[in-house]
Amino acid sequence: MMQCDWKTFSTDSETYTLETFETAVGDEFEAMIFKENEQIPSYIWTVNFVIIVKRSSKVLTDIYFEKIPRNPVCD
């Protein structure tokens, strides 16, 4: 489900509010998408990046953010 408003989510070690997320990635939030029955988003769009939310463990609910530029410039 696509969300254009921030929805706070938590892992085992941290709660991500809009402010903590924007500080962590250094960019401004635009939208997020949740897969069915998931409490943590799969993708988050910011002004300059698409962020893939990846789990770092199958046992714990720990995540990391992989930032991909939205508008890469090719020479």
Protein backbone atom coordinates (compact mmCIF):
# COMPACT_ATOMS: atom_id res chain seq x y z
CA MET A 1 0.00 0.00 0.00
CA MET A 2 1.39 3.40 -1.02
CA GLN A 3 1.48 6.04 1.72
CA CYS A 4 2.13 9.70 0.98
CA ASP A 5 2.06 10.58 4.69
CA TRP A 6 4.74 9.35 7.07
CA LYS A 7 3.86 6.26 9.12
CA THR A 8 6.17 5.72 12.10
CA PHE A 9 7.64 2.20 12.23
CA SER A 10 9.89 0.30 14.63
CA THR A 11 12.59 -2.34 14.58
CA ASP A 12 13.95 -4.27 17.56
CA SER A 13 16.43 -1.49 18.26
CA GLU A 14 14.92 1.78 16.96
CA THR A 15 11.72 3.67 16.23
CA TYR A 16 11.78 5.67 13.00
CA THR A 17 9.85 8.92 13.14
CA LEU A 18 9.85 11.33 10.23
CA GLU A 19 12.58 13.39 11.90
CA THR A 20 14.86 10.45 12.72
CA PHE A 21 14.49 9.02 9.21
CA GLU A 22 15.26 12.32 7.45
CA THR A 23 18.29 12.81 9.69
CA ALA A 24 19.52 9.25 9.01
CA VAL A 25 19.28 9.52 5.21
CA GLY A 26 19.98 13.24 4.86
CA ASP A 27 16.99 13.91 2.59
CA GLU A 28 13.30 14.87 2.72
CA PHE A 29 10.56 12.19 2.75
CA GLU A 30 8.00 12.00 -0.07
CA ALA A 31 6.27 8.57 0.03
CA MET A 32 6.58 4.97 1.25
CA ILE A 33 5.16 1.61 0.29
CA PHE A 34 4.27 -1.32 2.56
CA LYS A 35 3.84 -4.88 1.34
CA GLU A 36 0.75 -6.70 2.56
CA ASN A 37 0.81 -7.55 6.29
CA GLU A 38 4.23 -5.87 6.83
CA GLN A 39 4.93 -3.31 9.56
CA ILE A 40 8.13 -1.99 7.97
CA PRO A 41 8.07 -0.28 4.55
CA SER A 42 9.74 -1.94 1.56
CA TYR A 43 10.62 1.28 -0.27
CA ILE A 44 10.77 4.93 0.73
CA TRP A 45 10.99 7.80 -1.76
CA THR A 46 12.75 11.01 -0.86
CA VAL A 47 13.40 14.10 -2.96
CA ASN A 48 16.69 12.71 -4.32
CA PHE A 49 16.64 8.96 -3.63
CA VAL A 50 14.67 5.75 -3.75
CA ILE A 51 15.53 3.92 -0.55
CA ILE A 52 15.28 0.16 -0.37
CA VAL A 53 14.64 -0.94 3.20
CA LYS A 54 16.55 -4.18 3.74
CA ARG A 55 16.57 -6.52 6.70
CA SER A 56 20.01 -7.24 8.09
CA SER A 57 18.89 -10.36 9.95
CA LYS A 58 16.21 -13.01 9.52
CA VAL A 59 15.90 -13.49 13.26
CA LEU A 60 15.86 -9.88 14.48
CA THR A 61 13.94 -6.98 13.03
CA ASP A 62 16.97 -4.87 12.18
CA ILE A 63 17.16 -2.93 8.94
CA TYR A 64 19.45 -0.77 6.86
CA PHE A 65 18.79 1.70 4.06
CA GLU A 66 20.20 1.30 0.54
CA LYS A 67 20.03 4.68 -1.23
CA ILE A 68 19.67 4.78 -5.02
CA PRO A 69 19.72 8.17 -6.82
CA ARG A 70 16.33 9.01 -8.35
CA ASN A 71 17.64 11.07 -11.24
CA PRO A 72 21.11 9.87 -12.16
CA VAL A 73 23.04 12.02 -14.63
CA CYS A 74 24.71 10.14 -17.46
CA ASP A 75 27.50 11.80 -19.44
